[in-house]
Amino acid sequence: MDLRHGHDPPILIVGCGISGVAAAGKLLRHGFRNVRILEATTRSGGRVKTGKLGNNIIEIGANWIHGPSKENPVFCLARQFGLLEPAALTLENQVKHVQWNPPQVSNWFSSSGKRLKAEDMYPAEEMFAKLLCESSQFKSQGGEPVASVGDFIRAEVLKRTAEQWRGDDASTRSLRLCALSNQLKAECCVNGTHTMYGVGLGAFGLYKGLPGLDCTFPGGYEGLVRNLMSEFPQNLVTYRRPVRCIHWHNDVGDQPVTVECENGERIDAKHVIVTVPLGYLKKHHSAMFCPALPTHKLHSVQRVGFGTNNKIFVDFDSPWWDRDCEIIYLVWEDEEDLVDQVPDLQRFWIKKLFGFTVLKPTKRYGHVLCGWIAGHESEYMETLTEQEVTHSMTQLIRRFTGNPTITPRRVLRTQWFHDPWTCGSYSYPAIGCSAKDLENLQEPLPSKGAQAQPLQVLFAGEATHSHFYSTVHGALLSGWREAERLISHYSAIRAHKPLRSPL
């Protein structure tokens, strides 16, 4: 695109997460040069954040490439930049289609300190996976029987276990029901929700999975961000520059959008791309936009869910799990009623942690587990001291293994809810949410039909993607989408502009 002769509009991007980086990169590649990113923190990447536990590289934020295949732009870029291991690049890995839970070697432990046989728990895993699959079908059928995924699973479990597990002894049946509660907690982490009883059954199937067995970045997810930003001009990103208010115009006129920063600086722009997390938008929308967001857009901001999923990394001198183990499940023996919430946060928050994934390979990570905990219990965990979290994790592991001597070398937890710029982890389709809400989140300001200059304020970020919300590739694609919206806008203007007379 030829943007010479004064046709290089000033474009501001609020937020230097993956969507902001993607939008800036695409605009630069198409000839836009007057692009600037304002980032509230001291770093790029947003919820892509790599850290260290001792000498081990760990992911504080985004963990996997979900669906590493040719359809996934994150995978394609990671392959292009040489950031993946050979196993992740094989065609076999890319074509595997995992509808819900990927096949993993699991170890199971109970709250009475017993090692459970994985084959005894498999019927619970299988039933849960089938019910998740069925839960995703209602968006095309309509007329869902209950409001939430949790209610649907509970109702179906009561019917199916009575028939399918009729011949099992009472003890095995009880453990399997408790295992289903464990799976509900795990699914809370996947969805970033407090409870699956708050995830809308009708909207659950809006999410689309991609083929490929999930893989990680050996050198850390932030390597993707660094590579994407490697060709950015110097000073394109301004750090420590929180935005206080975006002044836009919903009436007739061609006035610039003015971005007011916390330090008092006011910056005029033709277009502003807002990429802040939905959690931040929920909390600060009233102060962030002047005039306020249109009612239909505000209602969608409120209806789409946004929750917390945290990690607790635990490092050991030696493993207490099997050599080939990939995931460890912790089954509480008093949870037959399909529960994924605790009755008392202060006393029982640790029960929300469903288990651990094993960081592999051992020669790189040593003996490190990553515990997963979502919801209000996860948010409460963030308020505890590191010593309190370490003590709780030690007691938990000793209880479930029956070994009173196991002691972690070190523990590190994430704290996404209390991060002032994220206010949680990622979005999910809450009860009452629909595809229209996701469309509204990505709709630019002013809305269609207004007489003012179009495309003043645009919106990107994982929560604005219609099918890949909650993922890095959804965030990246949303940034590209909004950049393409501006590229198309100026291409159309150029196409309709009359040629200058040679006379």
Protein backbone atom coordinates (compact mmCIF):
# COMPACT_ATOMS: atom_id res chain seq x y z
CA MET A 1 0.00 0.00 0.00
CA ASP A 2 1.28 3.45 -0.88
CA LEU A 3 0.83 5.65 2.18
CA ARG A 4 2.91 8.55 0.95
CA HIS A 5 1.65 12.09 0.36
CA GLY A 6 0.27 12.51 3.89
CA HIS A 7 -1.79 9.32 3.96
CA ASP A 8 -0.03 7.77 6.96
CA PRO A 9 -2.55 8.16 9.79
CA PRO A 10 -1.33 8.17 13.41
CA ILE A 11 -2.39 4.88 15.00
CA LEU A 12 -2.10 4.18 18.72
CA ILE A 13 -2.22 0.67 20.16
CA VAL A 14 -3.06 0.33 23.84
CA GLY A 15 -1.26 -2.71 25.25
CA CYS A 16 1.85 -4.59 24.14
CA GLY A 17 0.51 -8.10 24.59
CA ILE A 18 0.48 -10.55 21.70
CA SER A 19 -2.56 -8.93 20.03
CA GLY A 20 -1.02 -5.45 20.17
CA VAL A 21 2.30 -6.76 18.86
CA ALA A 22 0.50 -8.63 16.05
CA ALA A 23 -1.51 -5.56 15.04
CA ALA A 24 1.57 -3.33 14.97
CA GLY A 25 3.58 -5.84 12.96
CA LYS A 26 0.91 -6.22 10.31
CA LEU A 27 0.42 -2.48 9.97
CA LEU A 28 4.18 -1.94 9.58
CA ARG A 29 4.39 -4.64 6.93
CA HIS A 30 1.66 -2.85 4.94
CA GLY A 31 3.42 0.50 4.89
CA PHE A 32 1.98 2.23 7.94
CA ARG A 33 4.79 4.00 9.77
CA ASN A 34 3.01 6.28 12.21
CA VAL A 35 2.29 3.46 14.67
CA ARG A 36 2.91 3.59 18.40
CA ILE A 37 2.21 1.17 21.26
CA LEU A 38 1.48 2.39 24.79
CA GLU A 39 2.25 -0.26 27.43
CA ALA A 40 1.32 0.20 31.09
CA THR A 41 4.03 -2.12 32.45
CA THR A 42 7.78 -2.43 31.99
CA ARG A 43 7.62 -5.38 29.61
CA SER A 44 6.06 -6.72 26.42
CA GLY A 45 4.04 -9.90 26.12
CA GLY A 46 1.11 -9.32 28.44
CA ARG A 47 -0.21 -12.72 29.50
CA VAL A 48 2.66 -14.37 27.64
CA LYS A 49 5.24 -14.33 30.41
CA THR A 50 8.23 -16.61 30.92
CA GLY A 51 10.03 -16.90 34.28
CA LYS A 52 12.59 -18.95 36.18
CA LEU A 53 12.35 -21.43 39.04
CA GLY A 54 15.95 -21.95 40.06
CA ASN A 55 17.63 -22.71 36.74
CA ASN A 56 14.40 -23.95 35.15
CA ILE A 57 12.45 -22.00 32.54
CA ILE A 58 8.78 -21.89 33.48
CA GLU A 59 5.71 -20.24 32.00
CA ILE A 60 4.08 -17.75 34.35
CA GLY A 61 1.41 -17.11 31.73
CA ALA A 62 0.49 -18.88 28.49
CA ASN A 63 1.70 -22.46 28.58
CA TRP A 64 0.94 -24.36 25.37
CA ILE A 65 0.39 -23.94 21.69
CA HIS A 66 -3.14 -25.33 21.57
CA GLY A 67 -3.59 -27.27 18.35
CA PRO A 68 -0.10 -26.98 16.80
CA SER A 69 -1.00 -27.44 13.15
CA LYS A 70 -0.94 -25.52 9.88
CA GLU A 71 -4.22 -23.82 10.86
CA ASN A 72 -2.57 -22.27 13.95
CA PRO A 73 -0.59 -19.08 13.22
CA VAL A 74 1.29 -19.31 16.53
CA PHE A 75 2.58 -22.74 15.56
CA CYS A 76 3.50 -21.56 12.06
CA LEU A 77 5.40 -18.57 13.42
CA ALA A 78 7.14 -20.66 16.09
CA ARG A 79 8.23 -23.11 13.40
CA GLN A 80 9.42 -20.25 11.18
CA PHE A 81 11.45 -18.76 14.06
CA GLY A 82 12.94 -22.15 15.02
CA LEU A 83 11.46 -22.12 18.52
CA LEU A 84 10.12 -25.69 18.72
CA GLU A 85 11.53 -29.14 19.32
CA PRO A 86 11.61 -31.69 16.47
CA ALA A 87 8.83 -33.82 18.02
CA ALA A 88 6.37 -30.92 17.82
CA LEU A 89 7.16 -30.41 14.13
CA THR A 90 6.32 -33.91 12.95
CA LEU A 91 3.32 -34.33 10.68
CA GLU A 92 2.04 -37.04 13.02
CA ASN A 93 1.89 -34.55 15.89
CA GLN A 94 0.13 -31.95 13.75
CA VAL A 95 -2.68 -34.17 12.50
CA LYS A 96 -3.68 -35.72 15.82
CA HIS A 97 -7.19 -34.53 16.58
CA VAL A 98 -7.85 -34.34 20.31
CA GLN A 99 -11.45 -33.27 20.87
CA TRP A 100 -11.16 -32.66 24.60
CA ASN A 101 -8.70 -34.24 27.02
CA PRO A 102 -5.47 -35.32 25.30
CA PRO A 103 -4.31 -38.87 26.06
CA GLN A 104 -1.85 -38.61 28.93
CA VAL A 105 -0.12 -41.05 31.26
CA SER A 106 -1.71 -40.33 34.63
CA ASN A 107 -1.07 -41.12 38.29
CA TRP A 108 -4.02 -40.97 40.69
CA PHE A 109 -3.88 -40.41 44.46
CA SER A 110 -6.67 -40.20 47.03
CA SER A 111 -7.04 -38.01 50.11
CA SER A 112 -6.61 -41.07 52.33
CA GLY A 113 -3.04 -41.42 51.07
CA LYS A 114 -3.65 -44.28 48.66
CA ARG A 115 -2.33 -44.74 45.14
CA LEU A 116 -5.31 -45.46 42.87
CA LYS A 117 -5.19 -47.64 39.79
CA ALA A 118 -5.48 -45.55 36.65
CA GLU A 119 -7.57 -48.25 34.98
CA ASP A 120 -10.13 -47.99 37.80
CA MET A 121 -10.45 -44.25 37.19
CA TYR A 122 -10.57 -44.48 33.40
CA PRO A 123 -14.38 -44.95 33.24
CA ALA A 124 -14.78 -41.61 35.02
CA GLU A 125 -12.35 -39.91 32.63
CA GLU A 126 -14.09 -41.43 29.63
CA MET A 127 -17.55 -40.44 30.81
CA PHE A 128 -16.44 -36.88 31.54
CA ALA A 129 -14.81 -36.49 28.11
CA LYS A 130 -17.96 -37.73 26.39
CA LEU A 131 -20.13 -35.33 28.38
CA LEU A 132 -17.87 -32.40 27.50
CA CYS A 133 -18.19 -33.33 23.85
CA GLU A 134 -21.98 -33.50 24.15
CA SER A 135 -22.00 -30.17 25.99
CA SER A 136 -20.51 -28.50 22.92
CA GLN A 137 -23.32 -29.60 20.61
CA PHE A 138 -26.11 -27.36 21.85
CA LYS A 139 -25.05 -24.20 20.04
CA SER A 140 -26.23 -25.69 16.77
CA GLN A 141 -29.30 -27.42 18.18
CA GLY A 142 -30.68 -24.79 20.55
CA GLY A 143 -33.16 -25.56 23.31
CA GLU A 144 -30.53 -26.66 25.82
CA PRO A 145 -32.14 -28.51 28.77
CA VAL A 146 -30.28 -26.61 31.53
CA ALA A 147 -28.40 -23.33 31.79
CA SER A 148 -24.84 -24.47 32.51
CA VAL A 149 -22.32 -27.11 31.51
CA GLY A 150 -22.01 -28.13 35.17
CA ASP A 151 -25.76 -28.71 35.52
CA PHE A 152 -25.81 -30.75 32.30
CA ILE A 153 -22.91 -32.94 33.40
CA ARG A 154 -24.39 -33.49 36.87
CA ALA A 155 -27.78 -34.52 35.47
CA GLU A 156 -26.26 -36.88 32.92
CA VAL A 157 -23.86 -38.43 35.44
CA LEU A 158 -26.75 -39.28 37.76
CA LYS A 159 -28.53 -41.05 34.90
CA ARG A 160 -25.56 -42.80 33.33
CA THR A 161 -23.73 -44.00 36.43
CA ALA A 162 -26.90 -45.68 37.67
CA GLU A 163 -26.87 -47.76 34.50
CA GLN A 164 -23.23 -48.06 33.46
CA TRP A 165 -21.67 -48.55 36.90
CA ARG A 166 -24.47 -50.65 38.33
CA GLY A 167 -22.24 -53.71 38.75
CA ASP A 168 -19.37 -51.88 40.49
CA ASP A 169 -18.80 -52.19 44.21
CA ALA A 170 -19.77 -49.21 46.33
CA SER A 171 -16.19 -48.17 47.05
CA THR A 172 -15.16 -48.06 43.38
CA ARG A 173 -18.33 -46.23 42.38
CA SER A 174 -17.77 -43.66 45.12
CA LEU A 175 -14.17 -43.03 44.03
CA ARG A 176 -15.23 -42.59 40.43
CA LEU A 177 -17.85 -40.01 41.40
CA CYS A 178 -15.16 -38.18 43.37
CA ALA A 179 -12.92 -38.43 40.30
CA LEU A 180 -15.64 -36.69 38.29
CA SER A 181 -15.51 -33.80 40.77
CA ASN A 182 -11.77 -33.72 40.17
CA GLN A 183 -12.36 -33.53 36.42
CA LEU A 184 -14.81 -30.65 36.92
CA LYS A 185 -12.08 -28.74 38.78
CA ALA A 186 -9.63 -29.47 35.98
CA GLU A 187 -12.13 -28.15 33.45
CA CYS A 188 -12.47 -24.97 35.53
CA CYS A 189 -8.75 -24.41 34.89
CA VAL A 190 -9.14 -25.08 31.18
CA ASN A 191 -11.97 -22.54 30.94
CA GLY A 192 -10.59 -20.01 33.42
CA THR A 193 -13.83 -20.05 35.39
CA HIS A 194 -14.72 -20.28 39.06
CA THR A 195 -17.21 -23.07 38.41
CA MET A 196 -18.51 -25.06 35.46
CA TYR A 197 -21.96 -24.25 36.83
CA GLY A 198 -21.31 -20.72 35.58
CA VAL A 199 -20.34 -21.70 32.02
CA GLY A 200 -23.25 -21.38 29.60
CA LEU A 201 -24.32 -24.65 27.99
CA GLY A 202 -25.64 -22.91 24.88
CA ALA A 203 -22.40 -21.01 24.26
CA PHE A 204 -19.92 -23.71 25.31
CA GLY A 205 -19.59 -25.00 21.76
CA LEU A 206 -18.56 -21.64 20.36
CA TYR A 207 -14.94 -22.59 21.03
CA LYS A 208 -13.21 -24.39 18.17
CA GLY A 209 -10.27 -26.68 18.76
CA LEU A 210 -7.51 -27.21 16.21
CA PRO A 211 -5.77 -30.49 15.33
CA GLY A 212 -2.39 -31.27 16.84
CA LEU A 213 -1.07 -32.42 20.19
CA ASP A 214 -0.41 -29.38 22.41
CA CYS A 215 3.27 -28.46 22.64
CA THR A 216 5.45 -25.96 24.50
CA PHE A 217 8.37 -23.63 23.80
CA PRO A 218 11.64 -25.12 25.13
CA GLY A 219 13.16 -21.66 25.48
CA GLY A 220 10.01 -19.99 26.77
CA TYR A 221 6.88 -18.54 25.15
CA GLU A 222 8.36 -15.03 25.29
CA GLY A 223 10.67 -16.06 22.45
CA LEU A 224 7.67 -15.69 20.15
CA VAL A 225 7.11 -12.11 21.31
CA ARG A 226 10.79 -11.20 20.91
CA ASN A 227 10.87 -12.52 17.37
CA LEU A 228 7.67 -10.72 16.39
CA MET A 229 9.09 -7.46 17.75
CA SER A 230 12.59 -7.90 16.33
CA GLU A 231 11.90 -5.71 13.30
CA PHE A 232 10.00 -2.99 15.16
CA PRO A 233 11.55 0.48 14.86
CA GLN A 234 13.25 1.73 18.00
CA ASN A 235 10.90 3.52 20.41
CA LEU A 236 7.75 2.13 18.79
CA VAL A 237 6.74 0.92 22.26
CA THR A 238 6.46 3.35 25.16
CA TYR A 239 6.60 1.50 28.49
CA ARG A 240 5.26 2.63 31.87
CA ARG A 241 2.54 4.58 30.07
CA PRO A 242 -0.89 3.59 31.44
CA VAL A 243 -3.89 5.05 29.65
CA ARG A 244 -6.43 6.93 31.76
CA CYS A 245 -9.09 7.74 29.17
CA ILE A 246 -9.79 7.45 25.45
CA HIS A 247 -11.77 10.44 24.18
CA TRP A 248 -13.64 9.47 21.00
CA HIS A 249 -16.51 11.05 19.06
CA ASN A 250 -19.93 9.56 18.48
CA ASP A 251 -21.34 12.49 16.53
CA VAL A 252 -20.75 14.15 13.19
CA GLY A 253 -17.17 15.15 12.57
CA ASP A 254 -13.67 14.09 11.66
CA GLN A 255 -11.93 14.99 14.91
CA PRO A 256 -9.00 12.92 16.14
CA VAL A 257 -9.26 10.49 19.01
CA THR A 258 -7.39 11.77 22.05
CA VAL A 259 -5.69 9.32 24.40
CA GLU A 260 -5.13 10.71 27.88
CA CYS A 261 -2.35 8.97 29.81
CA GLU A 262 -2.00 8.66 33.57
CA ASN A 263 0.96 11.04 33.53
CA GLY A 264 -1.17 13.76 31.95
CA GLU A 265 0.17 13.36 28.41
CA ARG A 266 -2.51 13.70 25.71
CA ILE A 267 -1.88 12.06 22.35
CA ASP A 268 -4.04 12.61 19.28
CA ALA A 269 -4.52 9.75 16.83
CA LYS A 270 -6.68 8.88 13.88
CA HIS A 271 -7.27 5.38 15.21
CA VAL A 272 -6.76 3.59 18.54
CA ILE A 273 -6.61 -0.19 18.88
CA VAL A 274 -7.48 -1.27 22.43
CA THR A 275 -5.99 -4.65 23.39
CA VAL A 276 -6.42 -4.66 27.17
CA PRO A 277 -7.66 -7.90 28.80
CA LEU A 278 -11.41 -8.25 29.28
CA GLY A 279 -10.86 -8.40 33.05
CA TYR A 280 -9.35 -4.92 32.96
CA LEU A 281 -12.13 -3.68 30.68
CA LYS A 282 -14.80 -5.01 33.06
CA LYS A 283 -13.24 -3.11 35.95
CA HIS A 284 -12.25 0.16 34.25
CA HIS A 285 -14.53 0.70 31.23
CA SER A 286 -16.47 3.56 32.82
CA ALA A 287 -13.33 5.67 33.30
CA MET A 288 -11.54 4.46 30.18
CA PHE A 289 -13.97 5.70 27.52
CA CYS A 290 -15.50 9.13 27.01
CA PRO A 291 -18.24 9.02 25.93
CA ALA A 292 -19.09 5.70 27.58
CA LEU A 293 -19.28 2.46 25.64
CA PRO A 294 -22.58 1.96 23.79
CA THR A 295 -25.11 0.03 25.86
CA HIS A 296 -25.05 -3.11 23.70
CA LYS A 297 -21.27 -3.28 23.85
CA LEU A 298 -21.20 -2.67 27.60
CA HIS A 299 -23.74 -5.44 28.17
CA SER A 300 -21.53 -7.84 26.22
CA VAL A 301 -18.49 -6.83 28.27
CA GLN A 302 -20.52 -7.75 31.34
CA ARG A 303 -21.98 -11.02 29.94
CA VAL A 304 -18.77 -12.63 28.65
CA GLY A 305 -17.00 -14.37 31.52
CA PHE A 306 -13.45 -13.69 32.65
CA GLY A 307 -11.87 -15.72 35.45
CA THR A 308 -8.63 -16.74 37.11
CA ASN A 309 -6.43 -19.77 36.56
CA ASN A 310 -3.16 -19.86 38.50
CA LYS A 311 -0.16 -22.18 38.62
CA ILE A 312 1.83 -23.36 41.62
CA PHE A 313 5.24 -24.74 40.64
CA VAL A 314 6.76 -27.22 43.07
CA ASP A 315 10.38 -28.40 42.79
CA PHE A 316 11.56 -31.67 44.42
CA ASP A 317 14.90 -33.38 44.94
CA SER A 318 13.46 -36.63 43.61
CA PRO A 319 10.16 -37.69 42.03
CA TRP A 320 7.33 -39.40 43.91
CA TRP A 321 5.48 -40.08 40.67
CA ASP A 322 6.14 -42.62 37.90
CA ARG A 323 8.92 -41.97 35.41
CA ASP A 324 6.50 -41.82 32.45
CA CYS A 325 3.80 -39.87 34.30
CA GLU A 326 2.51 -36.72 32.57
CA ILE A 327 -0.32 -35.66 34.87
CA ILE A 328 -1.20 -36.31 38.54
CA TYR A 329 -4.80 -36.22 39.79
CA LEU A 330 -5.74 -35.68 43.44
CA VAL A 331 -9.12 -37.18 44.40
CA TRP A 332 -10.85 -36.03 47.58
CA GLU A 333 -12.96 -38.89 48.93
CA ASP A 334 -15.73 -36.64 50.26
CA GLU A 335 -16.75 -35.17 46.88
CA GLU A 336 -19.26 -37.62 45.42
CA ASP A 337 -21.73 -34.84 44.60
CA LEU A 338 -19.84 -33.39 41.60
CA VAL A 339 -18.52 -30.29 43.32
CA ASP A 340 -16.00 -27.84 41.90
CA GLN A 341 -16.16 -25.21 44.66
CA VAL A 342 -15.19 -25.29 48.33
CA PRO A 343 -17.53 -24.26 51.18
CA ASP A 344 -14.89 -22.25 53.08
CA LEU A 345 -12.11 -20.47 51.18
CA GLN A 346 -9.81 -19.92 54.16
CA ARG A 347 -9.96 -23.53 55.38
CA PHE A 348 -10.34 -25.49 52.16
CA TRP A 349 -8.96 -23.44 49.25
CA ILE A 350 -6.33 -26.09 48.57
CA LYS A 351 -9.06 -28.61 47.63
CA LYS A 352 -9.68 -26.69 44.40
CA LEU A 353 -6.22 -27.67 43.10
CA PHE A 354 -7.08 -30.68 40.94
CA GLY A 355 -3.53 -31.93 40.48
CA PHE A 356 -0.25 -31.38 38.66
CA THR A 357 1.26 -31.58 35.22
CA VAL A 358 4.82 -32.92 35.09
CA LEU A 359 7.35 -30.63 33.42
CA LYS A 360 9.32 -32.67 30.91
CA PRO A 361 11.96 -33.60 29.96
CA THR A 362 13.50 -34.34 33.34
CA LYS A 363 17.02 -33.57 32.16
CA ARG A 364 15.91 -30.00 31.48
CA TYR A 365 13.50 -29.35 34.34
CA GLY A 366 14.69 -31.71 37.06
CA HIS A 367 11.72 -32.81 39.17
CA VAL A 368 9.24 -29.96 38.83
CA LEU A 369 5.45 -30.18 38.98
CA CYS A 370 2.98 -27.50 37.96
CA GLY A 371 -0.17 -27.40 40.09
CA TRP A 372 -3.34 -25.89 38.65
CA ILE A 373 -6.03 -24.01 40.56
CA ALA A 374 -8.87 -21.81 39.28
CA GLY A 375 -11.65 -19.62 40.59
CA HIS A 376 -12.14 -17.75 43.84
CA GLU A 377 -10.00 -20.32 45.64
CA SER A 378 -7.18 -19.39 43.28
CA GLU A 379 -7.76 -15.71 43.95
CA TYR A 380 -7.67 -16.32 47.71
CA MET A 381 -4.43 -18.28 47.32
CA GLU A 382 -2.84 -15.14 45.85
CA THR A 383 -3.40 -13.29 49.15
CA LEU A 384 -1.37 -15.80 51.18
CA THR A 385 2.33 -15.50 51.87
CA GLU A 386 4.80 -17.69 50.01
CA GLN A 387 5.46 -19.54 53.27
CA GLU A 388 1.74 -20.28 53.71
CA VAL A 389 1.41 -21.56 50.15
CA THR A 390 4.52 -23.71 50.55
CA HIS A 391 3.19 -25.16 53.82
CA SER A 392 -0.20 -25.95 52.27
CA MET A 393 1.39 -27.63 49.25
CA THR A 394 3.69 -29.70 51.45
CA GLN A 395 0.81 -30.89 53.64
CA LEU A 396 -1.32 -31.65 50.57
CA ILE A 397 1.34 -33.81 48.92
CA ARG A 398 2.20 -35.62 52.14
CA ARG A 399 -1.48 -36.39 52.71
CA PHE A 400 -2.13 -37.77 49.22
CA THR A 401 1.05 -39.79 48.94
CA GLY A 402 0.95 -41.04 52.52
CA ASN A 403 4.61 -40.05 52.83
CA PRO A 404 5.20 -37.61 55.74
CA THR A 405 8.77 -36.83 54.71
CA ILE A 406 8.26 -35.35 51.23
CA THR A 407 9.44 -31.75 51.26
CA PRO A 408 9.56 -29.41 48.25
CA ARG A 409 12.85 -27.62 47.58
CA ARG A 410 11.06 -24.49 46.38
CA VAL A 411 7.59 -23.27 45.42
CA LEU A 412 6.54 -20.47 43.08
CA ARG A 413 2.96 -19.36 42.43
CA THR A 414 1.40 -17.02 39.89
CA GLN A 415 -0.91 -14.14 40.86
CA TRP A 416 -2.95 -13.11 37.82
CA PHE A 417 -6.05 -11.88 39.64
CA HIS A 418 -4.16 -9.27 41.64
CA ASP A 419 -2.16 -8.14 38.62
CA PRO A 420 -3.71 -4.66 38.15
CA TRP A 421 -3.39 -4.78 34.36
CA THR A 422 -5.04 -8.17 33.80
CA CYS A 423 -7.44 -8.73 36.74
CA GLY A 424 -7.56 -12.44 35.97
CA SER A 425 -6.48 -14.92 33.32
CA TYR A 426 -8.74 -15.30 30.28
CA SER A 427 -12.31 -15.30 29.01
CA TYR A 428 -15.01 -17.96 28.85
CA PRO A 429 -18.67 -18.12 27.70
CA ALA A 430 -20.65 -17.45 30.87
CA ILE A 431 -24.35 -18.23 31.33
CA GLY A 432 -26.32 -15.82 29.14
CA CYS A 433 -23.41 -15.24 26.76
CA SER A 434 -23.91 -15.76 23.02
CA ALA A 435 -22.03 -15.46 19.75
CA LYS A 436 -23.49 -11.97 19.41
CA ASP A 437 -21.64 -10.86 22.54
CA LEU A 438 -18.31 -11.91 21.03
CA GLU A 439 -19.22 -9.97 17.89
CA ASN A 440 -20.06 -6.93 19.99
CA LEU A 441 -16.71 -7.08 21.77
CA GLN A 442 -14.85 -6.79 18.47
CA GLU A 443 -17.11 -4.07 17.03
CA PRO A 444 -15.27 -0.76 16.47
CA LEU A 445 -16.44 2.63 17.73
CA PRO A 446 -18.44 4.48 16.63
CA SER A 447 -21.02 1.78 15.91
CA LYS A 448 -22.47 1.32 12.44
CA GLY A 449 -24.90 4.03 11.50
CA ALA A 450 -23.09 6.84 13.34
CA GLN A 451 -22.19 9.92 11.29
CA ALA A 452 -18.75 10.41 12.82
CA GLN A 453 -15.43 9.28 11.41
CA PRO A 454 -15.47 5.46 11.33
CA LEU A 455 -12.96 3.18 13.04
CA GLN A 456 -11.95 5.60 15.77
CA VAL A 457 -11.55 2.90 18.43
CA LEU A 458 -10.94 -0.75 17.53
CA PHE A 459 -10.79 -3.75 19.87
CA ALA A 460 -8.49 -6.78 19.89
CA GLY A 461 -7.46 -9.46 22.39
CA GLU A 462 -8.34 -13.09 23.01
CA ALA A 463 -11.82 -12.27 24.35
CA THR A 464 -12.75 -10.64 21.03
CA HIS A 465 -12.19 -13.76 18.92
CA SER A 466 -15.39 -15.57 17.99
CA HIS A 467 -14.01 -19.11 18.27
CA PHE A 468 -10.46 -19.03 19.67
CA TYR A 469 -11.08 -16.96 22.80
CA SER A 470 -8.79 -17.77 25.77
CA THR A 471 -5.88 -18.72 23.46
CA VAL A 472 -2.70 -17.05 22.25
CA HIS A 473 -3.57 -17.79 18.64
CA GLY A 474 -6.97 -16.16 19.19
CA ALA A 475 -5.26 -13.06 20.56
CA LEU A 476 -2.78 -12.95 17.68
CA LEU A 477 -5.49 -13.39 15.05
CA SER A 478 -7.56 -10.63 16.65
CA GLY A 479 -4.63 -8.22 16.34
CA TRP A 480 -4.21 -9.13 12.69
CA ARG A 481 -7.97 -8.72 12.18
CA GLU A 482 -8.02 -5.14 13.45
CA ALA A 483 -4.90 -4.22 11.49
CA GLU A 484 -6.53 -5.66 8.39
CA ARG A 485 -9.66 -3.62 9.13
CA LEU A 486 -7.58 -0.44 8.89
CA ILE A 487 -5.62 -1.68 5.87
CA SER A 488 -8.87 -2.42 4.03
CA HIS A 489 -10.29 0.94 5.07
CA TYR A 490 -7.41 2.87 3.53
CA SER A 491 -7.27 0.62 0.48
CA ALA A 492 -10.92 1.48 -0.17
CA ILE A 493 -10.24 5.19 0.26
CA ARG A 494 -7.33 5.00 -2.15
CA ALA A 495 -9.38 3.03 -4.67
CA HIS A 496 -12.17 5.64 -4.69
CA LYS A 497 -9.93 8.71 -4.67
CA PRO A 498 -10.06 10.43 -8.08
CA LEU A 499 -6.79 10.70 -9.97
CA ARG A 500 -5.19 14.16 -10.05
CA SER A 501 -5.61 15.88 -13.40
CA PRO A 502 -2.34 16.25 -15.33
CA LEU A 503 -3.47 19.69 -16.44
